[in-house]
Amino acid sequence: MRFRPSDRLRKRFEFRRLRDVGRRVHTRSFVLLIARSEHSGSRLGITVSRQVGNAVRRNRIKRLLREAFRQQRALFPESADLVVIAKADVPALTLVEVQRELEQASGALRSAW
């Protein structure tokens, strides 16, 4: 259950496509964008701006999101692209809290997808 490079959104046009055609789901700490993918399997893109905090804080949020996605891949529809945008006022989170937020948003994500 690795998080391989093929599981990631990396190109700018991929992020823009989700911004333009993706459906939005809001949680307390994140905005999630979801859209159908041409690839098999779900892929994740993460956006954490400088407004969230310093580099250490931003990198921690990204690590937590990648790990939560890796562990809970079944929550997300198959062959879906997902972008997670951290809100500026995101509190200091633990892995369990990130997983809980993604679990709560999974129903809305599936219906939006």
C-alpha atoms as a PDB file:
ATOM      1  CA  MET A   1       0.000   0.000   0.000  1.00  0.00           C
ATOM      2  CA  ARG A   2       2.566   2.565  -1.118  1.00  0.00           C
ATOM      3  CA  PHE A   3       1.839   6.052  -2.339  1.00  0.00           C
ATOM      4  CA  ARG A   4       3.451   5.746  -5.774  1.00  0.00           C
ATOM      5  CA  PRO A   5       4.193   8.583  -8.207  1.00  0.00           C
ATOM      6  CA  SER A   6       1.343   7.292 -10.377  1.00  0.00           C
ATOM      7  CA  ASP A   7      -1.037   8.013  -7.442  1.00  0.00           C
ATOM      8  CA  ARG A   8      -0.213  11.736  -7.521  1.00  0.00           C
ATOM      9  CA  LEU A   9      -1.412  14.711  -9.482  1.00  0.00           C
ATOM     10  CA  ARG A  10       1.642  16.708 -10.469  1.00  0.00           C
ATOM     11  CA  LYS A  11       0.981  18.736 -13.574  1.00  0.00           C
ATOM     12  CA  ARG A  12      -0.541  22.192 -13.473  1.00  0.00           C
ATOM     13  CA  PHE A  13      -3.129  21.320 -16.121  1.00  0.00           C
ATOM     14  CA  GLU A  14      -4.370  18.428 -13.940  1.00  0.00           C
ATOM     15  CA  PHE A  15      -4.968  20.780 -11.017  1.00  0.00           C
ATOM     16  CA  ARG A  16      -6.635  23.324 -13.327  1.00  0.00           C
ATOM     17  CA  ARG A  17      -8.913  20.667 -14.804  1.00  0.00           C
ATOM     18  CA  LEU A  18     -10.163  19.760 -11.338  1.00  0.00           C
ATOM     19  CA  ARG A  19     -10.626  23.423 -10.476  1.00  0.00           C
ATOM     20  CA  ASP A  20     -12.717  23.935 -13.609  1.00  0.00           C
ATOM     21  CA  VAL A  21     -14.781  20.728 -13.807  1.00  0.00           C
ATOM     22  CA  GLY A  22     -14.435  19.213 -10.346  1.00  0.00           C
ATOM     23  CA  ARG A  23     -17.111  19.193  -7.672  1.00  0.00           C
ATOM     24  CA  ARG A  24     -16.297  20.913  -4.359  1.00  0.00           C
ATOM     25  CA  VAL A  25     -16.769  19.529  -0.868  1.00  0.00           C
ATOM     26  CA  HIS A  26     -15.895  21.668   2.169  1.00  0.00           C
ATOM     27  CA  THR A  27     -14.737  20.388   5.541  1.00  0.00           C
ATOM     28  CA  ARG A  28     -13.573  22.267   8.606  1.00  0.00           C
ATOM     29  CA  SER A  29      -9.928  22.348   7.477  1.00  0.00           C
ATOM     30  CA  PHE A  30      -9.966  21.482   3.776  1.00  0.00           C
ATOM     31  CA  VAL A  31     -11.654  22.066   0.433  1.00  0.00           C
ATOM     32  CA  LEU A  32     -11.802  18.882  -1.631  1.00  0.00           C
ATOM     33  CA  LEU A  33     -12.222  18.843  -5.411  1.00  0.00           C
ATOM     34  CA  ILE A  34     -13.164  15.603  -7.130  1.00  0.00           C
ATOM     35  CA  ALA A  35     -13.567  14.641 -10.785  1.00  0.00           C
ATOM     36  CA  ARG A  36     -13.401  11.554 -12.953  1.00  0.00           C
ATOM     37  CA  SER A  37      -9.966  10.451 -14.092  1.00  0.00           C
ATOM     38  CA  GLU A  38      -8.800   8.876 -17.320  1.00  0.00           C
ATOM     39  CA  HIS A  39      -6.382   6.759 -15.279  1.00  0.00           C
ATOM     40  CA  SER A  40      -7.197   3.595 -13.385  1.00  0.00           C
ATOM     41  CA  GLY A  41      -7.125   4.128  -9.648  1.00  0.00           C
ATOM     42  CA  SER A  42      -7.629   7.290  -7.653  1.00  0.00           C
ATOM     43  CA  ARG A  43      -4.996  10.032  -7.620  1.00  0.00           C
ATOM     44  CA  LEU A  44      -4.308  12.773  -5.085  1.00  0.00           C
ATOM     45  CA  GLY A  45      -3.117  16.349  -5.441  1.00  0.00           C
ATOM     46  CA  ILE A  46      -2.384  18.595  -2.470  1.00  0.00           C
ATOM     47  CA  THR A  47      -2.272  22.382  -2.299  1.00  0.00           C
ATOM     48  CA  VAL A  48      -1.063  24.120   0.852  1.00  0.00           C
ATOM     49  CA  SER A  49      -0.387  27.850   0.476  1.00  0.00           C
ATOM     50  CA  ARG A  50       1.977  29.995   2.497  1.00  0.00           C
ATOM     51  CA  GLN A  51      -0.995  31.462   4.350  1.00  0.00           C
ATOM     52  CA  VAL A  52      -1.231  28.180   6.272  1.00  0.00           C
ATOM     53  CA  GLY A  53       2.125  28.682   7.974  1.00  0.00           C
ATOM     54  CA  ASN A  54       5.827  28.138   7.635  1.00  0.00           C
ATOM     55  CA  ALA A  55       7.416  25.341   5.593  1.00  0.00           C
ATOM     56  CA  VAL A  56       7.497  22.898   8.493  1.00  0.00           C
ATOM     57  CA  ARG A  57       3.768  23.265   9.090  1.00  0.00           C
ATOM     58  CA  ARG A  58       2.889  23.061   5.384  1.00  0.00           C
ATOM     59  CA  ASN A  59       4.997  19.942   4.883  1.00  0.00           C
ATOM     60  CA  ARG A  60       3.458  18.263   7.925  1.00  0.00           C
ATOM     61  CA  ILE A  61      -0.042  18.845   6.569  1.00  0.00           C
ATOM     62  CA  LYS A  62       0.990  17.377   3.212  1.00  0.00           C
ATOM     63  CA  ARG A  63       2.529  14.315   4.865  1.00  0.00           C
ATOM     64  CA  LEU A  64      -0.600  13.743   6.947  1.00  0.00           C
ATOM     65  CA  LEU A  65      -2.866  14.051   3.901  1.00  0.00           C
ATOM     66  CA  ARG A  66      -0.769  11.620   1.847  1.00  0.00           C
ATOM     67  CA  GLU A  67      -0.739   9.084   4.674  1.00  0.00           C
ATOM     68  CA  ALA A  68      -4.492   9.396   5.298  1.00  0.00           C
ATOM     69  CA  PHE A  69      -5.141   8.939   1.569  1.00  0.00           C
ATOM     70  CA  ARG A  70      -2.832   5.926   1.454  1.00  0.00           C
ATOM     71  CA  GLN A  71      -4.464   4.237   4.439  1.00  0.00           C
ATOM     72  CA  GLN A  72      -8.055   5.029   3.490  1.00  0.00           C
ATOM     73  CA  ARG A  73      -8.015   4.613  -0.265  1.00  0.00           C
ATOM     74  CA  ALA A  74     -11.325   2.716  -0.131  1.00  0.00           C
ATOM     75  CA  LEU A  75     -13.130   5.910   0.959  1.00  0.00           C
ATOM     76  CA  PHE A  76     -12.599   7.455  -2.462  1.00  0.00           C
ATOM     77  CA  PRO A  77     -14.257   6.369  -5.705  1.00  0.00           C
ATOM     78  CA  GLU A  78     -12.181   4.275  -8.073  1.00  0.00           C
ATOM     79  CA  SER A  79     -10.671   6.203 -11.006  1.00  0.00           C
ATOM     80  CA  ALA A  80     -11.221   9.608  -9.414  1.00  0.00           C
ATOM     81  CA  ASP A  81      -8.851  12.541  -9.178  1.00  0.00           C
ATOM     82  CA  LEU A  82      -8.909  14.369  -5.856  1.00  0.00           C
ATOM     83  CA  VAL A  83      -7.326  17.692  -4.934  1.00  0.00           C
ATOM     84  CA  VAL A  84      -7.169  18.703  -1.278  1.00  0.00           C
ATOM     85  CA  ILE A  85      -6.686  22.399  -0.562  1.00  0.00           C
ATOM     86  CA  ALA A  86      -5.780  23.326   3.006  1.00  0.00           C
ATOM     87  CA  LYS A  87      -7.674  26.309   4.367  1.00  0.00           C
ATOM     88  CA  ALA A  88      -5.659  29.210   5.768  1.00  0.00           C
ATOM     89  CA  ASP A  89      -6.944  28.741   9.321  1.00  0.00           C
ATOM     90  CA  VAL A  90      -6.283  24.999   9.539  1.00  0.00           C
ATOM     91  CA  PRO A  91      -5.391  24.082  13.131  1.00  0.00           C
ATOM     92  CA  ALA A  92      -2.529  21.785  14.093  1.00  0.00           C
ATOM     93  CA  LEU A  93      -3.906  18.368  13.158  1.00  0.00           C
ATOM     94  CA  THR A  94      -3.033  14.783  13.961  1.00  0.00           C
ATOM     95  CA  LEU A  95      -3.321  11.880  11.547  1.00  0.00           C
ATOM     96  CA  VAL A  96      -6.480  10.655  13.288  1.00  0.00           C
ATOM     97  CA  GLU A  97      -8.138  14.070  12.900  1.00  0.00           C
ATOM     98  CA  VAL A  98      -7.238  14.226   9.197  1.00  0.00           C
ATOM     99  CA  GLN A  99      -8.603  10.709   8.684  1.00  0.00           C
ATOM    100  CA  ARG A 100     -11.805  11.635  10.514  1.00  0.00           C
ATOM    101  CA  GLU A 101     -12.344  14.699   8.316  1.00  0.00           C
ATOM    102  CA  LEU A 102     -11.818  12.643   5.157  1.00  0.00           C
ATOM    103  CA  GLU A 103     -14.218   9.960   6.438  1.00  0.00           C
ATOM    104  CA  GLN A 104     -16.884  12.576   7.106  1.00  0.00           C
ATOM    105  CA  ALA A 105     -16.401  14.049   3.637  1.00  0.00           C
ATOM    106  CA  SER A 106     -16.394  10.681   1.842  1.00  0.00           C
ATOM    107  CA  GLY A 107     -20.183  10.477   1.558  1.00  0.00           C
ATOM    108  CA  ALA A 108     -20.378  13.959   0.044  1.00  0.00           C
ATOM    109  CA  LEU A 109     -17.475  13.121  -2.265  1.00  0.00           C
ATOM    110  CA  ARG A 110     -19.163   9.990  -3.545  1.00  0.00           C
ATOM    111  CA  SER A 111     -22.430  11.824  -4.217  1.00  0.00           C
ATOM    112  CA  ALA A 112     -20.578  14.727  -5.890  1.00  0.00           C
ATOM    113  CA  TRP A 113     -18.569  12.319  -8.030  1.00  0.00           C
END
